[in-house]
Amino acid sequence: MSKKKDKKEKITYIDDGRTIADMSGVTSGHEWTKQGTTSSVKDILRTYWAATKMMFKPTLVAVGFLLTIFGIAALIFLLAK
């Protein structure tokens, strides 16, 4: 039961030394971003505040952690005098 496998064509990449590729010939596939939104300002603000409320506690935890680390480092340097 041997199956013949089709060999894939080997792709050769050529480095021309440029750091930025020429993307002028690429057409955008995101035409919907140019059309704008049909959402109302009220819906947009409701979404913004929902996301802000959702991230408030994690932000407080991260800031608390950073303040704790800063406080410990300050104590170490103050006691090292």
Protein backbone atom coordinates (compact mmCIF):
# COMPACT_ATOMS: atom_id res chain seq x y z
CA MET A 1 0.00 0.00 0.00
CA SER A 2 2.50 2.58 -1.05
CA LYS A 3 1.10 5.92 -2.05
CA LYS A 4 2.88 8.31 -4.32
CA LYS A 5 3.30 11.70 -2.74
CA ASP A 6 3.44 14.76 -4.91
CA LYS A 7 6.62 16.66 -4.38
CA LYS A 8 6.07 20.24 -3.33
CA GLU A 9 7.73 22.95 -5.31
CA LYS A 10 10.68 24.32 -3.37
CA ILE A 11 10.38 28.04 -2.79
CA THR A 12 13.57 30.05 -3.08
CA TYR A 13 13.75 33.33 -1.19
CA ILE A 14 16.18 35.93 -2.45
CA ASP A 15 17.56 38.52 -0.03
CA ASP A 16 18.14 41.78 -1.85
CA GLY A 17 19.58 43.49 1.22
CA ARG A 18 16.66 45.85 1.81
CA THR A 19 15.22 46.07 5.30
CA ILE A 20 11.75 47.10 4.17
CA ALA A 21 9.87 45.16 1.52
CA ASP A 22 8.14 46.97 -1.32
CA MET A 23 4.44 46.67 -0.57
CA SER A 24 3.24 49.09 -3.26
CA GLY A 25 1.73 46.34 -5.39
CA VAL A 26 -0.31 44.80 -2.59
CA THR A 27 -3.98 45.62 -2.61
CA SER A 28 -5.78 45.93 0.68
CA GLY A 29 -8.19 43.20 1.67
CA HIS A 30 -9.75 45.34 4.38
CA GLU A 31 -12.14 47.50 2.42
CA TRP A 32 -14.55 47.59 5.35
CA THR A 33 -12.15 49.75 7.37
CA LYS A 34 -12.46 52.57 4.85
CA GLN A 35 -16.25 52.64 5.04
CA GLY A 36 -16.51 53.82 8.64
CA THR A 37 -18.87 52.48 11.25
CA THR A 38 -22.63 52.31 11.50
CA SER A 39 -22.55 52.29 15.30
CA SER A 40 -23.93 55.20 17.24
CA VAL A 41 -21.81 57.26 19.60
CA LYS A 42 -23.82 55.83 22.51
CA ASP A 43 -22.92 52.25 21.51
CA ILE A 44 -19.25 53.15 21.09
CA LEU A 45 -19.10 54.83 24.51
CA ARG A 46 -20.96 51.93 26.14
CA THR A 47 -18.37 49.51 24.71
CA TYR A 48 -15.50 51.74 25.84
CA TRP A 49 -16.78 52.02 29.42
CA ALA A 50 -17.50 48.28 29.59
CA ALA A 51 -13.90 47.53 28.58
CA THR A 52 -12.59 50.17 31.01
CA LYS A 53 -14.58 48.71 33.91
CA MET A 54 -13.41 45.21 33.00
CA MET A 55 -9.73 46.25 33.12
CA PHE A 56 -9.90 48.48 36.23
CA LYS A 57 -9.15 45.77 38.84
CA PRO A 58 -6.28 44.15 36.87
CA THR A 59 -4.78 47.63 36.39
CA LEU A 60 -4.97 48.29 40.14
CA VAL A 61 -3.30 44.95 40.84
CA ALA A 62 -0.47 45.70 38.39
CA VAL A 63 0.08 49.20 39.79
CA GLY A 64 0.02 47.80 43.33
CA PHE A 65 2.61 45.21 42.40
CA LEU A 66 4.87 47.85 40.87
CA LEU A 67 4.50 50.11 43.92
CA THR A 68 5.35 47.19 46.20
CA ILE A 69 8.49 46.40 44.23
CA PHE A 70 9.44 50.09 44.21
CA GLY A 71 8.84 50.32 47.97
CA ILE A 72 11.00 47.27 48.68
CA ALA A 73 13.79 48.63 46.48
CA ALA A 74 13.58 52.03 48.21
CA LEU A 75 13.80 50.39 51.63
CA ILE A 76 16.81 48.35 50.58
CA PHE A 77 18.63 51.43 49.28
CA LEU A 78 17.69 53.53 52.30
CA LEU A 79 18.91 50.86 54.73
CA ALA A 80 22.12 50.37 52.74
CA LYS A 81 23.30 53.90 53.51
